[in-house]
Each structure stands twice: as C-alpha cells, then as structure tokens.
Amino acid sequence: MTDAILVLNGGSSSLKFAVFQWRDELHLLVRGSVSSIGDRPRLHVAPTAMTPPFDRSLGEQPISVGNAFEAVASY
C-alpha cells in the first residue's frame, strides 16, 4: 500500500481536493475541484506530472457536498 494524504477543502459552492504521495517527501499526485455545486456542477482535475487535465459536467442540477465527494472518489 502506498502512503498517501487526501486533502479536502469544502465550501458553500465548491469542493477542492488534492492527493499527495509520501516517499522521502510529499509529491502531488492529483488536484482539482468540483465547482458550482449549487448550480451546474463540474469536476475539474488540474494537470500535474502524474495526471492529464480533465473536465466534465456533473449535470444540470445542484448537488450536495456528499455527491461532490462521490464524484471525486469515483474519478
């Protein structure tokens, strides 16, 4: 099992996330956000050395923070 740290920052309209791997130091594996939770939510993953950019709609209706977390976890 790889040691990893999941960082979450939930706000009123977004859920930001980052995953770091611990070896001799922290290495960013992936970061992104679910934005516009209360309107037309989107999952956005920023490009890193480990991941290509990714952006997709999560529908036309508002979602809960729990649903936003599920979208992040399923990514």
PDB file of N, CA and C in Angstrom:
ATOM      1  N   MET A   1       0.840  -1.182   0.000  1.00  0.00           N
ATOM      2  CA  MET A   1       0.000   0.000   0.000  1.00  0.00           C
ATOM      3  C   MET A   1       0.885   1.246   0.000  1.00  0.00           C
ATOM      4  N   THR A   2       0.523   2.215  -0.801  1.00  0.00           N
ATOM      5  CA  THR A   2       1.245   3.472  -0.877  1.00  0.00           C
ATOM      6  C   THR A   2       0.713   4.426   0.174  1.00  0.00           C
ATOM      7  N   ASP A   3       1.617   5.077   0.885  1.00  0.00           N
ATOM      8  CA  ASP A   3       1.188   6.098   1.836  1.00  0.00           C
ATOM      9  C   ASP A   3       0.745   7.322   1.060  1.00  0.00           C
ATOM     10  N   ALA A   4      -0.454   7.797   1.345  1.00  0.00           N
ATOM     11  CA  ALA A   4      -0.994   8.951   0.643  1.00  0.00           C
ATOM     12  C   ALA A   4      -1.770   9.816   1.616  1.00  0.00           C
ATOM     13  N   ILE A   5      -1.880  11.091   1.265  1.00  0.00           N
ATOM     14  CA  ILE A   5      -2.643  12.053   2.052  1.00  0.00           C
ATOM     15  C   ILE A   5      -3.685  12.666   1.133  1.00  0.00           C
ATOM     16  N   LEU A   6      -4.938  12.608   1.541  1.00  0.00           N
ATOM     17  CA  LEU A   6      -6.035  13.255   0.825  1.00  0.00           C
ATOM     18  C   LEU A   6      -6.367  14.538   1.568  1.00  0.00           C
ATOM     19  N   VAL A   7      -6.361  15.659   0.851  1.00  0.00           N
ATOM     20  CA  VAL A   7      -6.691  16.958   1.424  1.00  0.00           C
ATOM     21  C   VAL A   7      -7.995  17.422   0.792  1.00  0.00           C
ATOM     22  N   LEU A   8      -8.972  17.775   1.620  1.00  0.00           N
ATOM     23  CA  LEU A   8     -10.268  18.273   1.148  1.00  0.00           C
ATOM     24  C   LEU A   8     -10.517  19.658   1.719  1.00  0.00           C
ATOM     25  N   ASN A   9     -11.107  20.524   0.915  1.00  0.00           N
ATOM     26  CA  ASN A   9     -11.500  21.856   1.355  1.00  0.00           C
ATOM     27  C   ASN A   9     -12.898  22.106   0.806  1.00  0.00           C
ATOM     28  N   GLY A  10     -13.894  21.964   1.663  1.00  0.00           N
ATOM     29  CA  GLY A  10     -15.278  22.138   1.241  1.00  0.00           C
ATOM     30  C   GLY A  10     -15.790  23.522   1.568  1.00  0.00           C
ATOM     31  N   GLY A  11     -16.404  24.156   0.602  1.00  0.00           N
ATOM     32  CA  GLY A  11     -17.013  25.463   0.795  1.00  0.00           C
ATOM     33  C   GLY A  11     -18.482  25.408   0.436  1.00  0.00           C
ATOM     34  N   SER A  12     -19.091  26.570   0.362  1.00  0.00           N
ATOM     35  CA  SER A  12     -20.526  26.625   0.078  1.00  0.00           C
ATOM     36  C   SER A  12     -20.848  26.279  -1.370  1.00  0.00           C
ATOM     37  N   SER A  13     -19.892  26.481  -2.274  1.00  0.00           N
ATOM     38  CA  SER A  13     -20.187  26.210  -3.684  1.00  0.00           C
ATOM     39  C   SER A  13     -19.144  25.339  -4.369  1.00  0.00           C
ATOM     40  N   SER A  14     -18.167  24.835  -3.606  1.00  0.00           N
ATOM     41  CA  SER A  14     -17.143  24.006  -4.243  1.00  0.00           C
ATOM     42  C   SER A  14     -16.529  23.030  -3.248  1.00  0.00           C
ATOM     43  N   LEU A  15     -15.889  22.021  -3.802  1.00  0.00           N
ATOM     44  CA  LEU A  15     -15.106  21.059  -3.030  1.00  0.00           C
ATOM     45  C   LEU A  15     -13.767  20.932  -3.744  1.00  0.00           C
ATOM     46  N   LYS A  16     -12.712  21.391  -3.087  1.00  0.00           N
ATOM     47  CA  LYS A  16     -11.373  21.286  -3.661  1.00  0.00           C
ATOM     48  C   LYS A  16     -10.678  20.079  -3.041  1.00  0.00           C
ATOM     49  N   PHE A  17      -9.792  19.459  -3.815  1.00  0.00           N
ATOM     50  CA  PHE A  17      -9.111  18.272  -3.320  1.00  0.00           C
ATOM     51  C   PHE A  17      -7.691  18.189  -3.869  1.00  0.00           C
ATOM     52  N   ALA A  18      -6.868  17.469  -3.147  1.00  0.00           N
ATOM     53  CA  ALA A  18      -5.514  17.153  -3.596  1.00  0.00           C
ATOM     54  C   ALA A  18      -5.114  15.830  -2.959  1.00  0.00           C
ATOM     55  N   VAL A  19      -4.325  15.065  -3.682  1.00  0.00           N
ATOM     56  CA  VAL A  19      -3.785  13.811  -3.161  1.00  0.00           C
ATOM     57  C   VAL A  19      -2.267  13.886  -3.294  1.00  0.00           C
ATOM     58  N   PHE A  20      -1.600  13.644  -2.169  1.00  0.00           N
ATOM     59  CA  PHE A  20      -0.145  13.653  -2.124  1.00  0.00           C
ATOM     60  C   PHE A  20       0.350  12.259  -1.778  1.00  0.00           C
ATOM     61  N   GLN A  21       1.470  11.877  -2.365  1.00  0.00           N
ATOM     62  CA  GLN A  21       2.121  10.613  -2.021  1.00  0.00           C
ATOM     63  C   GLN A  21       3.324  10.940  -1.149  1.00  0.00           C
ATOM     64  N   TRP A  22       3.518  10.131  -0.119  1.00  0.00           N
ATOM     65  CA  TRP A  22       4.667  10.324   0.756  1.00  0.00           C
ATOM     66  C   TRP A  22       5.727   9.278   0.444  1.00  0.00           C
ATOM     67  N   ARG A  23       6.886   9.740   0.015  1.00  0.00           N
ATOM     68  CA  ARG A  23       8.068   8.879  -0.099  1.00  0.00           C
ATOM     69  C   ARG A  23       9.080   9.489   0.860  1.00  0.00           C
ATOM     70  N   ASP A  24      10.107  10.098   0.357  1.00  0.00           N
ATOM     71  CA  ASP A  24      11.029  10.843   1.214  1.00  0.00           C
ATOM     72  C   ASP A  24      10.509  12.247   1.472  1.00  0.00           C
ATOM     73  N   GLU A  25       9.575  12.672   0.649  1.00  0.00           N
ATOM     74  CA  GLU A  25       8.918  13.972   0.782  1.00  0.00           C
ATOM     75  C   GLU A  25       7.560  13.866   0.104  1.00  0.00           C
ATOM     76  N   LEU A  26       6.757  14.921   0.216  1.00  0.00           N
ATOM     77  CA  LEU A  26       5.433  14.900  -0.406  1.00  0.00           C
ATOM     78  C   LEU A  26       5.542  15.150  -1.906  1.00  0.00           C
ATOM     79  N   HIS A  27       4.779  14.371  -2.674  1.00  0.00           N
ATOM     80  CA  HIS A  27       4.691  14.532  -4.125  1.00  0.00           C
ATOM     81  C   HIS A  27       3.218  14.669  -4.483  1.00  0.00           C
ATOM     82  N   LEU A  28       2.874  15.739  -5.192  1.00  0.00           N
ATOM     83  CA  LEU A  28       1.494  15.950  -5.618  1.00  0.00           C
ATOM     84  C   LEU A  28       1.141  14.945  -6.706  1.00  0.00           C
ATOM     85  N   LEU A  29       0.096  14.147  -6.468  1.00  0.00           N
ATOM     86  CA  LEU A  29      -0.372  13.181  -7.462  1.00  0.00           C
ATOM     87  C   LEU A  29      -1.499  13.750  -8.300  1.00  0.00           C
ATOM     88  N   VAL A  30      -2.462  14.380  -7.648  1.00  0.00           N
ATOM     89  CA  VAL A  30      -3.629  14.907  -8.357  1.00  0.00           C
ATOM     90  C   VAL A  30      -4.240  16.033  -7.527  1.00  0.00           C
ATOM     91  N   ARG A  31      -4.814  17.016  -8.220  1.00  0.00           N
ATOM     92  CA  ARG A  31      -5.544  18.084  -7.537  1.00  0.00           C
ATOM     93  C   ARG A  31      -6.652  18.574  -8.449  1.00  0.00           C
ATOM     94  N   GLY A  32      -7.692  19.095  -7.844  1.00  0.00           N
ATOM     95  CA  GLY A  32      -8.797  19.590  -8.643  1.00  0.00           C
ATOM     96  C   GLY A  32      -9.924  20.086  -7.778  1.00  0.00           C
ATOM     97  N   SER A  33     -11.105  20.180  -8.381  1.00  0.00           N
ATOM     98  CA  SER A  33     -12.256  20.706  -7.654  1.00  0.00           C
ATOM     99  C   SER A  33     -13.558  20.274  -8.314  1.00  0.00           C
ATOM    100  N   VAL A  34     -14.596  20.322  -7.515  1.00  0.00           N
ATOM    101  CA  VAL A  34     -15.958  20.281  -8.029  1.00  0.00           C
ATOM    102  C   VAL A  34     -16.484  21.682  -7.781  1.00  0.00           C
ATOM    103  N   SER A  35     -16.805  22.395  -8.839  1.00  0.00           N
ATOM    104  CA  SER A  35     -17.250  23.780  -8.725  1.00  0.00           C
ATOM    105  C   SER A  35     -18.736  23.898  -9.022  1.00  0.00           C
ATOM    106  N   SER A  36     -19.303  25.026  -8.654  1.00  0.00           N
ATOM    107  CA  SER A  36     -20.717  25.348  -8.916  1.00  0.00           C
ATOM    108  C   SER A  36     -21.656  24.273  -8.391  1.00  0.00           C
ATOM    109  N   ILE A  37     -21.399  23.792  -7.162  1.00  0.00           N
ATOM    110  CA  ILE A  37     -22.222  22.732  -6.571  1.00  0.00           C
ATOM    111  C   ILE A  37     -23.701  23.113  -6.545  1.00  0.00           C
ATOM    112  N   GLY A  38     -23.991  24.372  -6.281  1.00  0.00           N
ATOM    113  CA  GLY A  38     -25.379  24.808  -6.176  1.00  0.00           C
ATOM    114  C   GLY A  38     -26.017  25.220  -7.486  1.00  0.00           C
ATOM    115  N   ASP A  39     -25.341  25.015  -8.605  1.00  0.00           N
ATOM    116  CA  ASP A  39     -25.876  25.451  -9.892  1.00  0.00           C
ATOM    117  C   ASP A  39     -25.718  24.328 -10.922  1.00  0.00           C
ATOM    118  N   ARG A  40     -24.681  24.382 -11.708  1.00  0.00           N
ATOM    119  CA  ARG A  40     -24.365  23.347 -12.708  1.00  0.00           C
ATOM    120  C   ARG A  40     -22.962  22.823 -12.396  1.00  0.00           C
ATOM    121  N   PRO A  41     -22.868  21.813 -11.562  1.00  0.00           N
ATOM    122  CA  PRO A  41     -21.564  21.374 -11.065  1.00  0.00           C
ATOM    123  C   PRO A  41     -20.666  20.777 -12.148  1.00  0.00           C
ATOM    124  N   ARG A  42     -19.343  21.009 -11.961  1.00  0.00           N
ATOM    125  CA  ARG A  42     -18.331  20.469 -12.872  1.00  0.00           C
ATOM    126  C   ARG A  42     -17.191  19.891 -12.053  1.00  0.00           C
ATOM    127  N   LEU A  43     -16.669  18.771 -12.516  1.00  0.00           N
ATOM    128  CA  LEU A  43     -15.469  18.176 -11.938  1.00  0.00           C
ATOM    129  C   LEU A  43     -14.293  18.591 -12.809  1.00  0.00           C
ATOM    130  N   HIS A  44     -13.318  19.233 -12.187  1.00  0.00           N
ATOM    131  CA  HIS A  44     -12.122  19.679 -12.905  1.00  0.00           C
ATOM    132  C   HIS A  44     -10.900  19.102 -12.202  1.00  0.00           C
ATOM    133  N   VAL A  45     -10.027  18.459 -12.970  1.00  0.00           N
ATOM    134  CA  VAL A  45      -8.763  17.954 -12.451  1.00  0.00           C
ATOM    135  C   VAL A  45      -7.654  18.710 -13.170  1.00  0.00           C
ATOM    136  N   ALA A  46      -6.810  19.376 -12.386  1.00  0.00           N
ATOM    137  CA  ALA A  46      -5.718  20.162 -12.956  1.00  0.00           C
ATOM    138  C   ALA A  46      -4.587  19.240 -13.396  1.00  0.00           C
ATOM    139  N   PRO A  47      -3.884  19.615 -14.453  1.00  0.00           N
ATOM    140  CA  PRO A  47      -2.775  18.779 -14.889  1.00  0.00           C
ATOM    141  C   PRO A  47      -1.622  18.819 -13.884  1.00  0.00           C
ATOM    142  N   THR A  48      -1.020  17.673 -13.650  1.00  0.00           N
ATOM    143  CA  THR A  48       0.197  17.561 -12.839  1.00  0.00           C
ATOM    144  C   THR A  48       1.149  16.647 -13.596  1.00  0.00           C
ATOM    145  N   ALA A  49       2.284  16.383 -13.012  1.00  0.00           N
ATOM    146  CA  ALA A  49       3.223  15.451 -13.641  1.00  0.00           C
ATOM    147  C   ALA A  49       2.619  14.055 -13.751  1.00  0.00           C
ATOM    148  N   MET A  50       1.629  13.755 -12.887  1.00  0.00           N
ATOM    149  CA  MET A  50       1.029  12.417 -12.842  1.00  0.00           C
ATOM    150  C   MET A  50      -0.318  12.320 -13.564  1.00  0.00           C
ATOM    151  N   THR A  51      -0.970  13.452 -13.844  1.00  0.00           N
ATOM    152  CA  THR A  51      -2.323  13.396 -14.405  1.00  0.00           C
ATOM    153  C   THR A  51      -2.511  14.410 -15.528  1.00  0.00           C
ATOM    154  N   PRO A  52      -3.248  14.027 -16.565  1.00  0.00           N
ATOM    155  CA  PRO A  52      -3.612  14.987 -17.600  1.00  0.00           C
ATOM    156  C   PRO A  52      -4.799  15.822 -17.120  1.00  0.00           C
ATOM    157  N   PRO A  53      -5.081  16.945 -17.781  1.00  0.00           N
ATOM    158  CA  PRO A  53      -6.257  17.723 -17.399  1.00  0.00           C
ATOM    159  C   PRO A  53      -7.534  16.939 -17.678  1.00  0.00           C
ATOM    160  N   PHE A  54      -8.547  17.212 -16.883  1.00  0.00           N
ATOM    161  CA  PHE A  54      -9.824  16.512 -17.013  1.00  0.00           C
ATOM    162  C   PHE A  54     -10.911  17.481 -16.588  1.00  0.00           C
ATOM    163  N   ASP A  55     -11.999  17.550 -17.346  1.00  0.00           N
ATOM    164  CA  ASP A  55     -13.104  18.442 -17.013  1.00  0.00           C
ATOM    165  C   ASP A  55     -14.390  17.819 -17.538  1.00  0.00           C
ATOM    166  N   ARG A  56     -15.386  17.699 -16.651  1.00  0.00           N
ATOM    167  CA  ARG A  56     -16.672  17.182 -17.133  1.00  0.00           C
ATOM    168  C   ARG A  56     -17.807  17.731 -16.290  1.00  0.00           C
ATOM    169  N   SER A  57     -18.951  17.820 -16.915  1.00  0.00           N
ATOM    170  CA  SER A  57     -20.171  18.255 -16.242  1.00  0.00           C
ATOM    171  C   SER A  57     -20.681  17.140 -15.340  1.00  0.00           C
ATOM    172  N   LEU A  58     -21.238  17.538 -14.206  1.00  0.00           N
ATOM    173  CA  LEU A  58     -21.887  16.582 -13.307  1.00  0.00           C
ATOM    174  C   LEU A  58     -23.401  16.750 -13.350  1.00  0.00           C
ATOM    175  N   GLY A  59     -23.896  17.361 -14.411  1.00  0.00           N
ATOM    176  CA  GLY A  59     -25.334  17.517 -14.592  1.00  0.00           C
ATOM    177  C   GLY A  59     -25.773  18.968 -14.578  1.00  0.00           C
ATOM    178  N   GLU A  60     -27.042  19.153 -14.773  1.00  0.00           N
ATOM    179  CA  GLU A  60     -27.622  20.492 -14.857  1.00  0.00           C
ATOM    180  C   GLU A  60     -28.286  20.940 -13.561  1.00  0.00           C
ATOM    181  N   GLN A  61     -28.306  20.069 -12.549  1.00  0.00           N
ATOM    182  CA  GLN A  61     -28.981  20.368 -11.284  1.00  0.00           C
ATOM    183  C   GLN A  61     -27.965  20.491 -10.152  1.00  0.00           C
ATOM    184  N   PRO A  62     -28.299  21.266  -9.112  1.00  0.00           N
ATOM    185  CA  PRO A  62     -27.425  21.344  -7.941  1.00  0.00           C
ATOM    186  C   PRO A  62     -27.212  19.960  -7.328  1.00  0.00           C
ATOM    187  N   ILE A  63     -26.052  19.778  -6.683  1.00  0.00           N
ATOM    188  CA  ILE A  63     -25.755  18.531  -5.983  1.00  0.00           C
ATOM    189  C   ILE A  63     -25.303  18.856  -4.560  1.00  0.00           C
ATOM    190  N   SER A  64     -25.297  17.847  -3.714  1.00  0.00           N
ATOM    191  CA  SER A  64     -24.836  18.025  -2.336  1.00  0.00           C
ATOM    192  C   SER A  64     -23.312  17.891  -2.281  1.00  0.00           C
ATOM    193  N   VAL A  65     -22.732  18.312  -1.174  1.00  0.00           N
ATOM    194  CA  VAL A  65     -21.299  18.125  -0.971  1.00  0.00           C
ATOM    195  C   VAL A  65     -20.969  16.630  -0.974  1.00  0.00           C
ATOM    196  N   GLY A  66     -21.872  15.814  -0.430  1.00  0.00           N
ATOM    197  CA  GLY A  66     -21.677  14.364  -0.451  1.00  0.00           C
ATOM    198  C   GLY A  66     -21.594  13.823  -1.861  1.00  0.00           C
ATOM    199  N   ASN A  67     -22.470  14.315  -2.750  1.00  0.00           N
ATOM    200  CA  ASN A  67     -22.414  13.892  -4.151  1.00  0.00           C
ATOM    201  C   ASN A  67     -21.137  14.386  -4.826  1.00  0.00           C
ATOM    202  N   ALA A  68     -20.691  15.579  -4.448  1.00  0.00           N
ATOM    203  CA  ALA A  68     -19.431  16.100  -4.990  1.00  0.00           C
ATOM    204  C   ALA A  68     -18.274  15.202  -4.571  1.00  0.00           C
ATOM    205  N   PHE A  69     -18.269  14.776  -3.302  1.00  0.00           N
ATOM    206  CA  PHE A  69     -17.218  13.874  -2.828  1.00  0.00           C
ATOM    207  C   PHE A  69     -17.271  12.542  -3.576  1.00  0.00           C
ATOM    208  N   GLU A  70     -18.463  12.023  -3.831  1.00  0.00           N
ATOM    209  CA  GLU A  70     -18.599  10.775  -4.588  1.00  0.00           C
ATOM    210  C   GLU A  70     -17.998  10.919  -5.986  1.00  0.00           C
ATOM    211  N   ALA A  71     -18.209  12.084  -6.619  1.00  0.00           N
ATOM    212  CA  ALA A  71     -17.639  12.315  -7.950  1.00  0.00           C
ATOM    213  C   ALA A  71     -16.115  12.311  -7.890  1.00  0.00           C
ATOM    214  N   VAL A  72     -15.555  12.931  -6.849  1.00  0.00           N
ATOM    215  CA  VAL A  72     -14.100  12.946  -6.679  1.00  0.00           C
ATOM    216  C   VAL A  72     -13.590  11.529  -6.432  1.00  0.00           C
ATOM    217  N   ALA A  73     -14.246  10.795  -5.552  1.00  0.00           N
ATOM    218  CA  ALA A  73     -13.814   9.434  -5.209  1.00  0.00           C
ATOM    219  C   ALA A  73     -13.890   8.504  -6.417  1.00  0.00           C
ATOM    220  N   SER A  74     -14.880   8.691  -7.284  1.00  0.00           N
ATOM    221  CA  SER A  74     -15.019   7.812  -8.445  1.00  0.00           C
ATOM    222  C   SER A  74     -14.050   8.178  -9.562  1.00  0.00           C
ATOM    223  N   TYR A  75     -13.512   9.396  -9.520  1.00  0.00           N
ATOM    224  CA  TYR A  75     -12.520   9.792 -10.519  1.00  0.00           C
ATOM    225  C   TYR A  75     -11.297   8.916 -10.370  1.00  0.00           C
TER     226      TYR A  75
END
